Amino acid sequence: MRIAVNKTRKIKVRAKNTVKNDRTFSIRFEANQAKQEKLS
């Protein structure tokens, strides 16, 4: 049982990290888009 709990916890942590990465990526992407619009 303990192993299963650890596995689910790892999956949850991984999911949280991917959400964080997606958020930072989208923010960075939007910043790049704004820069390109200013240049063009």
PDB file of N, CA and C in Angstrom:
ATOM      1  N   MET A   1       0.833  -1.209   0.000  1.00  0.00           N
ATOM      2  CA  MET A   1       0.000   0.000   0.000  1.00  0.00           C
ATOM      3  C   MET A   1       0.872   1.265   0.000  1.00  0.00           C
ATOM      4  N   ARG A   2       1.940   1.233   0.789  1.00  0.00           N
ATOM      5  CA  ARG A   2       2.782   2.421   0.895  1.00  0.00           C
ATOM      6  C   ARG A   2       3.401   2.778  -0.462  1.00  0.00           C
ATOM      7  N   ILE A   3       3.803   1.768  -1.220  1.00  0.00           N
ATOM      8  CA  ILE A   3       4.414   2.008  -2.534  1.00  0.00           C
ATOM      9  C   ILE A   3       3.406   2.718  -3.446  1.00  0.00           C
ATOM     10  N   ALA A   4       2.162   2.266  -3.429  1.00  0.00           N
ATOM     11  CA  ALA A   4       1.139   2.868  -4.281  1.00  0.00           C
ATOM     12  C   ALA A   4       0.945   4.337  -3.906  1.00  0.00           C
ATOM     13  N   VAL A   5       0.936   4.621  -2.607  1.00  0.00           N
ATOM     14  CA  VAL A   5       0.758   6.009  -2.158  1.00  0.00           C
ATOM     15  C   VAL A   5       1.905   6.864  -2.679  1.00  0.00           C
ATOM     16  N   ASN A   6       3.133   6.364  -2.565  1.00  0.00           N
ATOM     17  CA  ASN A   6       4.287   7.122  -3.048  1.00  0.00           C
ATOM     18  C   ASN A   6       4.175   7.368  -4.549  1.00  0.00           C
ATOM     19  N   LYS A   7       3.726   6.363  -5.288  1.00  0.00           N
ATOM     20  CA  LYS A   7       3.595   6.514  -6.745  1.00  0.00           C
ATOM     21  C   LYS A   7       2.601   7.619  -7.076  1.00  0.00           C
ATOM     22  N   THR A   8       1.438   7.599  -6.422  1.00  0.00           N
ATOM     23  CA  THR A   8       0.429   8.621  -6.715  1.00  0.00           C
ATOM     24  C   THR A   8       0.953  10.000  -6.328  1.00  0.00           C
ATOM     25  N   ARG A   9       1.679  10.059  -5.219  1.00  0.00           N
ATOM     26  CA  ARG A   9       2.222  11.348  -4.786  1.00  0.00           C
ATOM     27  C   ARG A   9       3.205  11.874  -5.832  1.00  0.00           C
ATOM     28  N   LYS A  10       4.058  10.984  -6.345  1.00  0.00           N
ATOM     29  CA  LYS A  10       5.026  11.390  -7.373  1.00  0.00           C
ATOM     30  C   LYS A  10       4.296  11.898  -8.609  1.00  0.00           C
ATOM     31  N   ILE A  11       3.228  11.190  -8.987  1.00  0.00           N
ATOM     32  CA  ILE A  11       2.465  11.599 -10.173  1.00  0.00           C
ATOM     33  C   ILE A  11       1.860  12.983  -9.941  1.00  0.00           C
ATOM     34  N   LYS A  12       1.316  13.202  -8.730  1.00  0.00           N
ATOM     35  CA  LYS A  12       0.722  14.506  -8.419  1.00  0.00           C
ATOM     36  C   LYS A  12       1.770  15.606  -8.509  1.00  0.00           C
ATOM     37  N   VAL A  13       2.938  15.340  -7.931  1.00  0.00           N
ATOM     38  CA  VAL A  13       4.022  16.337  -7.960  1.00  0.00           C
ATOM     39  C   VAL A  13       4.420  16.618  -9.400  1.00  0.00           C
ATOM     40  N   ARG A  14       4.529  15.550 -10.195  1.00  0.00           N
ATOM     41  CA  ARG A  14       4.913  15.714 -11.597  1.00  0.00           C
ATOM     42  C   ARG A  14       3.868  16.557 -12.327  1.00  0.00           C
ATOM     43  N   ALA A  15       2.593  16.288 -12.058  1.00  0.00           N
ATOM     44  CA  ALA A  15       1.519  17.047 -12.701  1.00  0.00           C
ATOM     45  C   ALA A  15       1.620  18.519 -12.316  1.00  0.00           C
ATOM     46  N   LYS A  16       1.870  18.784 -11.030  1.00  0.00           N
ATOM     47  CA  LYS A  16       2.020  20.171 -10.576  1.00  0.00           C
ATOM     48  C   LYS A  16       3.164  20.844 -11.319  1.00  0.00           C
ATOM     49  N   ASN A  17       4.285  20.148 -11.441  1.00  0.00           N
ATOM     50  CA  ASN A  17       5.456  20.721 -12.110  1.00  0.00           C
ATOM     51  C   ASN A  17       5.153  21.022 -13.572  1.00  0.00           C
ATOM     52  N   THR A  18       4.447  20.115 -14.249  1.00  0.00           N
ATOM     53  CA  THR A  18       4.142  20.353 -15.660  1.00  0.00           C
ATOM     54  C   THR A  18       3.232  21.573 -15.790  1.00  0.00           C
ATOM     55  N   VAL A  19       2.287  21.717 -14.857  1.00  0.00           N
ATOM     56  CA  VAL A  19       1.394  22.885 -14.905  1.00  0.00           C
ATOM     57  C   VAL A  19       2.218  24.156 -14.728  1.00  0.00           C
ATOM     58  N   LYS A  20       3.138  24.125 -13.767  1.00  0.00           N
ATOM     59  CA  LYS A  20       4.023  25.286 -13.533  1.00  0.00           C
ATOM     60  C   LYS A  20       4.820  25.597 -14.793  1.00  0.00           C
ATOM     61  N   ASN A  21       5.397  24.570 -15.398  1.00  0.00           N
ATOM     62  CA  ASN A  21       6.211  24.768 -16.599  1.00  0.00           C
ATOM     63  C   ASN A  21       5.357  25.345 -17.725  1.00  0.00           C
ATOM     64  N   ASP A  22       4.135  24.823 -17.869  1.00  0.00           N
ATOM     65  CA  ASP A  22       3.246  25.329 -18.919  1.00  0.00           C
ATOM     66  C   ASP A  22       2.971  26.812 -18.697  1.00  0.00           C
ATOM     67  N   ARG A  23       2.746  27.178 -17.435  1.00  0.00           N
ATOM     68  CA  ARG A  23       2.417  28.569 -17.128  1.00  0.00           C
ATOM     69  C   ARG A  23       3.602  29.477 -17.462  1.00  0.00           C
ATOM     70  N   THR A  24       4.794  29.085 -17.002  1.00  0.00           N
ATOM     71  CA  THR A  24       5.981  29.912 -17.267  1.00  0.00           C
ATOM     72  C   THR A  24       6.242  29.967 -18.771  1.00  0.00           C
ATOM     73  N   PHE A  25       6.019  28.850 -19.456  1.00  0.00           N
ATOM     74  CA  PHE A  25       6.245  28.811 -20.902  1.00  0.00           C
ATOM     75  C   PHE A  25       5.287  29.766 -21.612  1.00  0.00           C
ATOM     76  N   SER A  26       4.013  29.736 -21.226  1.00  0.00           N
ATOM     77  CA  SER A  26       3.034  30.602 -21.886  1.00  0.00           C
ATOM     78  C   SER A  26       3.359  32.067 -21.614  1.00  0.00           C
ATOM     79  N   ILE A  27       3.811  32.372 -20.388  1.00  0.00           N
ATOM     80  CA  ILE A  27       4.173  33.761 -20.066  1.00  0.00           C
ATOM     81  C   ILE A  27       5.345  34.194 -20.937  1.00  0.00           C
ATOM     82  N   ARG A  28       6.348  33.326 -21.040  1.00  0.00           N
ATOM     83  CA  ARG A  28       7.528  33.628 -21.852  1.00  0.00           C
ATOM     84  C   ARG A  28       7.117  33.796 -23.318  1.00  0.00           C
ATOM     85  N   PHE A  29       6.238  32.898 -23.776  1.00  0.00           N
ATOM     86  CA  PHE A  29       5.790  32.930 -25.166  1.00  0.00           C
ATOM     87  C   PHE A  29       5.076  34.251 -25.454  1.00  0.00           C
ATOM     88  N   GLU A  30       4.201  34.665 -24.528  1.00  0.00           N
ATOM     89  CA  GLU A  30       3.478  35.929 -24.707  1.00  0.00           C
ATOM     90  C   GLU A  30       4.449  37.102 -24.751  1.00  0.00           C
ATOM     91  N   ALA A  31       5.469  37.072 -23.893  1.00  0.00           N
ATOM     92  CA  ALA A  31       6.472  38.146 -23.871  1.00  0.00           C
ATOM     93  C   ALA A  31       7.191  38.210 -25.215  1.00  0.00           C
ATOM     94  N   ASN A  32       7.542  37.049 -25.762  1.00  0.00           N
ATOM     95  CA  ASN A  32       8.216  37.007 -27.063  1.00  0.00           C
ATOM     96  C   ASN A  32       7.303  37.555 -28.158  1.00  0.00           C
ATOM     97  N   GLN A  33       6.020  37.188 -28.085  1.00  0.00           N
ATOM     98  CA  GLN A  33       5.066  37.674 -29.085  1.00  0.00           C
ATOM     99  C   GLN A  33       5.014  39.201 -29.047  1.00  0.00           C
ATOM    100  N   ALA A  34       4.958  39.766 -27.848  1.00  0.00           N
ATOM    101  CA  ALA A  34       4.886  41.221 -27.700  1.00  0.00           C
ATOM    102  C   ALA A  34       6.138  41.869 -28.279  1.00  0.00           C
ATOM    103  N   LYS A  35       7.298  41.280 -28.006  1.00  0.00           N
ATOM    104  CA  LYS A  35       8.560  41.814 -28.543  1.00  0.00           C
ATOM    105  C   LYS A  35       8.520  41.820 -30.066  1.00  0.00           C
ATOM    106  N   GLN A  36       8.075  40.719 -30.658  1.00  0.00           N
ATOM    107  CA  GLN A  36       8.045  40.612 -32.116  1.00  0.00           C
ATOM    108  C   GLN A  36       7.077  41.638 -32.706  1.00  0.00           C
ATOM    109  N   GLU A  37       5.950  41.869 -32.027  1.00  0.00           N
ATOM    110  CA  GLU A  37       4.987  42.849 -32.528  1.00  0.00           C
ATOM    111  C   GLU A  37       5.598  44.247 -32.504  1.00  0.00           C
ATOM    112  N   LYS A  38       6.355  44.555 -31.447  1.00  0.00           N
ATOM    113  CA  LYS A  38       7.007  45.867 -31.360  1.00  0.00           C
ATOM    114  C   LYS A  38       8.024  46.033 -32.485  1.00  0.00           C
ATOM    115  N   LEU A  39       8.768  44.969 -32.787  1.00  0.00           N
ATOM    116  CA  LEU A  39       9.810  45.048 -33.817  1.00  0.00           C
ATOM    117  C   LEU A  39       9.201  45.228 -35.202  1.00  0.00           C
ATOM    118  N   SER A  40       8.102  44.525 -35.466  1.00  0.00           N
ATOM    119  CA  SER A  40       7.545  44.540 -36.821  1.00  0.00           C
ATOM    120  C   SER A  40       6.759  45.817 -37.134  1.00  0.00           C
TER     121      SER A  40
END
